[in-house]
Structures are given as C-alpha cells and as structure tokens.
C-alpha cells in the first residue's frame, strides 16, 4: 500500500476527504487535523500534569501534618506515662508510710500489753 493510499484512508476516516480535493489539499487538511490533535493532546497533558503536581503538593502537606500529629501524640503519651509513674510512686510511698505506721502502732499495742 502506497503512502498516498494510506493517507487517503486516514483522511477518509477523519472525514476530511472531499471528492474534488486535490492530493496537496488532502495532505494539508490531514496535516491541519494532526496539528489540532497535537495541540489538544498537549493541552490535556499540561492540564493533567498541573493536576498531578497539585495533588502531589497536597499529599506532601498531609504527610507533614500526619507526621506532626504523630510526634505530638508521642510526646503527649510520654508525658502522661511520666505523670502516671510519678503518681504510682507517690501512692506507693504513702502506702509504705501507712504500713510502717500500722506496724509501729501494732508494736506499741503489743508492748503495752
């Protein structure tokens, strides 16, 4: 199949061929259609690239927010753990003190008898 026949088939599919068109006119019409399609493709590709870049920026921002939240949660959890340990130590000291006082009281009662 020759190049002219192939171009004729393509132009038939694109709907640009008219019965009285000369070969140069048909080629020019096909060329114009190809240029128009290339422009549309370029515009669409640019549009998608911009959208992807915007989404990438949003994902990076969300990732930073999540990381900051995780760090804040870890710090808060560590602080609460320290507070609980301090409270536990305080309760243990008071309990030991109460146990010691009870024993001393029992010893005094035993000595008094």
C-alpha atoms as a PDB file:
ATOM      1  CA  UNK A   1       0.000   0.000   0.000  1.00  0.00           C
ATOM      2  CA  UNK A   2       1.486   3.338  -1.011  1.00  0.00           C
ATOM      3  CA  UNK A   3       1.784   6.398   1.175  1.00  0.00           C
ATOM      4  CA  UNK A   4      -0.877   8.185  -0.835  1.00  0.00           C
ATOM      5  CA  UNK A   5      -3.328   5.333  -0.335  1.00  0.00           C
ATOM      6  CA  UNK A   6      -2.590   5.235   3.382  1.00  0.00           C
ATOM      7  CA  UNK A   7      -3.097   9.000   3.667  1.00  0.00           C
ATOM      8  CA  UNK A   8      -6.301   8.652   1.688  1.00  0.00           C
ATOM      9  CA  UNK A   9      -7.579   6.007   4.117  1.00  0.00           C
ATOM     10  CA  UNK A  10      -6.631   8.148   7.093  1.00  0.00           C
ATOM     11  CA  UNK A  11      -8.285  11.212   5.630  1.00  0.00           C
ATOM     12  CA  UNK A  12     -11.390   9.142   4.851  1.00  0.00           C
ATOM     13  CA  UNK A  13     -11.543   8.020   8.471  1.00  0.00           C
ATOM     14  CA  UNK A  14     -11.072  11.577   9.668  1.00  0.00           C
ATOM     15  CA  UNK A  15     -13.780  12.764   7.313  1.00  0.00           C
ATOM     16  CA  UNK A  16     -11.695  15.422   5.587  1.00  0.00           C
ATOM     17  CA  UNK A  17     -11.665  13.976   2.093  1.00  0.00           C
ATOM     18  CA  UNK A  18     -13.934  15.526  -0.467  1.00  0.00           C
ATOM     19  CA  UNK A  19     -14.425  14.138  -3.954  1.00  0.00           C
ATOM     20  CA  UNK A  20     -12.860  17.078  -5.820  1.00  0.00           C
ATOM     21  CA  UNK A  21      -9.929  17.601  -3.433  1.00  0.00           C
ATOM     22  CA  UNK A  22      -6.516  17.516  -4.906  1.00  0.00           C
ATOM     23  CA  UNK A  23      -3.776  15.473  -3.288  1.00  0.00           C
ATOM     24  CA  UNK A  24      -1.941  18.530  -1.805  1.00  0.00           C
ATOM     25  CA  UNK A  25      -5.215  19.846  -0.357  1.00  0.00           C
ATOM     26  CA  UNK A  26      -5.956  16.497   1.244  1.00  0.00           C
ATOM     27  CA  UNK A  27      -2.474  16.378   2.732  1.00  0.00           C
ATOM     28  CA  UNK A  28      -2.877  19.907   4.055  1.00  0.00           C
ATOM     29  CA  UNK A  29      -6.225  19.003   5.631  1.00  0.00           C
ATOM     30  CA  UNK A  30      -4.736  15.918   7.246  1.00  0.00           C
ATOM     31  CA  UNK A  31      -1.778  17.954   8.458  1.00  0.00           C
ATOM     32  CA  UNK A  32      -4.110  20.570   9.950  1.00  0.00           C
ATOM     33  CA  UNK A  33      -6.114  17.876  11.729  1.00  0.00           C
ATOM     34  CA  UNK A  34      -2.928  16.304  13.095  1.00  0.00           C
ATOM     35  CA  UNK A  35      -1.739  19.705  14.363  1.00  0.00           C
ATOM     36  CA  UNK A  36      -5.112  20.320  16.013  1.00  0.00           C
ATOM     37  CA  UNK A  37      -4.993  16.895  17.668  1.00  0.00           C
ATOM     38  CA  UNK A  38      -1.424  17.511  18.838  1.00  0.00           C
ATOM     39  CA  UNK A  39      -2.473  20.853  20.366  1.00  0.00           C
ATOM     40  CA  UNK A  40      -5.411  19.223  22.154  1.00  0.00           C
ATOM     41  CA  UNK A  41      -3.167  16.433  23.399  1.00  0.00           C
ATOM     42  CA  UNK A  42      -0.556  18.935  24.603  1.00  0.00           C
ATOM     43  CA  UNK A  43      -3.218  20.991  26.413  1.00  0.00           C
ATOM     44  CA  UNK A  44      -4.678  17.878  28.030  1.00  0.00           C
ATOM     45  CA  UNK A  45      -1.240  16.620  29.070  1.00  0.00           C
ATOM     46  CA  UNK A  46      -0.370  20.019  30.572  1.00  0.00           C
ATOM     47  CA  UNK A  47      -3.684  20.101  32.404  1.00  0.00           C
ATOM     48  CA  UNK A  48      -3.133  16.627  33.872  1.00  0.00           C
ATOM     49  CA  UNK A  49       0.455  17.476  34.814  1.00  0.00           C
ATOM     50  CA  UNK A  50      -0.772  20.544  36.710  1.00  0.00           C
ATOM     51  CA  UNK A  51      -3.422  18.485  38.494  1.00  0.00           C
ATOM     52  CA  UNK A  52      -0.858  15.823  39.408  1.00  0.00           C
ATOM     53  CA  UNK A  53       1.529  18.492  40.718  1.00  0.00           C
ATOM     54  CA  UNK A  54      -1.294  19.987  42.807  1.00  0.00           C
ATOM     55  CA  UNK A  55      -2.210  16.583  44.209  1.00  0.00           C
ATOM     56  CA  UNK A  56       1.431  15.839  44.960  1.00  0.00           C
ATOM     57  CA  UNK A  57       1.683  19.098  46.905  1.00  0.00           C
ATOM     58  CA  UNK A  58      -1.452  18.257  48.860  1.00  0.00           C
ATOM     59  CA  UNK A  59      -0.146  14.783  49.656  1.00  0.00           C
ATOM     60  CA  UNK A  60       3.132  16.279  50.931  1.00  0.00           C
ATOM     61  CA  UNK A  61       1.233  18.746  53.124  1.00  0.00           C
ATOM     62  CA  UNK A  62      -0.966  15.987  54.539  1.00  0.00           C
ATOM     63  CA  UNK A  63       2.087  13.823  55.174  1.00  0.00           C
ATOM     64  CA  UNK A  64       3.698  16.648  57.152  1.00  0.00           C
ATOM     65  CA  UNK A  65       0.508  17.194  59.153  1.00  0.00           C
ATOM     66  CA  UNK A  66       0.285  13.482  59.958  1.00  0.00           C
ATOM     67  CA  UNK A  67       3.945  13.376  60.996  1.00  0.00           C
ATOM     68  CA  UNK A  68       3.469  16.402  63.257  1.00  0.00           C
ATOM     69  CA  UNK A  69       0.358  14.835  64.793  1.00  0.00           C
ATOM     70  CA  UNK A  70       2.256  11.601  65.398  1.00  0.00           C
ATOM     71  CA  UNK A  71       5.105  13.477  67.074  1.00  0.00           C
ATOM     72  CA  UNK A  72       2.657  15.437  69.246  1.00  0.00           C
ATOM     73  CA  UNK A  73       0.848  12.214  70.191  1.00  0.00           C
ATOM     74  CA  UNK A  74       4.127  10.527  71.107  1.00  0.00           C
ATOM     75  CA  UNK A  75       5.170  13.479  73.275  1.00  0.00           C
ATOM     76  CA  UNK A  76       1.761  13.562  74.951  1.00  0.00           C
ATOM     77  CA  UNK A  77       1.844   9.805  75.574  1.00  0.00           C
ATOM     78  CA  UNK A  78       5.325  10.055  77.070  1.00  0.00           C
ATOM     79  CA  UNK A  79       4.236  12.936  79.313  1.00  0.00           C
ATOM     80  CA  UNK A  80       1.202  11.006  80.515  1.00  0.00           C
ATOM     81  CA  UNK A  81       3.323   7.938  81.189  1.00  0.00           C
ATOM     82  CA  UNK A  82       5.710  10.019  83.310  1.00  0.00           C
ATOM     83  CA  UNK A  83       2.755  11.517  85.186  1.00  0.00           C
ATOM     84  CA  UNK A  84       1.342   8.042  85.841  1.00  0.00           C
ATOM     85  CA  UNK A  85       4.719   6.794  87.061  1.00  0.00           C
ATOM     86  CA  UNK A  86       5.038   9.787  89.401  1.00  0.00           C
ATOM     87  CA  UNK A  87       1.510   9.187  90.712  1.00  0.00           C
ATOM     88  CA  UNK A  88       2.261   5.482  91.171  1.00  0.00           C
ATOM     89  CA  UNK A  89       5.442   6.310  93.116  1.00  0.00           C
ATOM     90  CA  UNK A  90       3.556   8.774  95.277  1.00  0.00           C
ATOM     91  CA  UNK A  91       0.822   6.223  96.058  1.00  0.00           C
ATOM     92  CA  UNK A  92       3.462   3.561  96.846  1.00  0.00           C
ATOM     93  CA  UNK A  93       5.290   5.921  99.205  1.00  0.00           C
ATOM     94  CA  UNK A  94       2.057   6.775 101.015  1.00  0.00           C
ATOM     95  CA  UNK A  95       1.105   3.102 101.225  1.00  0.00           C
ATOM     96  CA  UNK A  96       4.530   2.178 102.596  1.00  0.00           C
ATOM     97  CA  UNK A  97       4.258   5.002 105.104  1.00  0.00           C
ATOM     98  CA  UNK A  98       0.805   3.803 106.194  1.00  0.00           C
ATOM     99  CA  UNK A  99       2.062   0.218 106.502  1.00  0.00           C
ATOM    100  CA  UNK A 100       5.005   1.400 108.598  1.00  0.00           C
ATOM    101  CA  UNK A 101       2.745   3.448 110.884  1.00  0.00           C
ATOM    102  CA  UNK A 102       0.383   0.491 111.296  1.00  0.00           C
ATOM    103  CA  UNK A 103       3.249  -1.815 112.246  1.00  0.00           C
ATOM    104  CA  UNK A 104       4.557   0.748 114.718  1.00  0.00           C
ATOM    105  CA  UNK A 105       1.068   1.102 116.179  1.00  0.00           C
ATOM    106  CA  UNK A 106       0.717  -2.676 116.483  1.00  0.00           C
ATOM    107  CA  UNK A 107       4.142  -2.896 118.128  1.00  0.00           C
ATOM    108  CA  UNK A 108       3.159  -0.214 120.658  1.00  0.00           C
ATOM    109  CA  UNK A 109      -0.046  -2.061 121.451  1.00  0.00           C
ATOM    110  CA  UNK A 110       1.861  -5.327 121.883  1.00  0.00           C
ATOM    111  CA  UNK A 111       4.410  -3.632 124.104  1.00  0.00           C
ATOM    112  CA  UNK A 112       1.681  -2.068 126.193  1.00  0.00           C
ATOM    113  CA  UNK A 113       0.097  -5.444 126.887  1.00  0.00           C
END
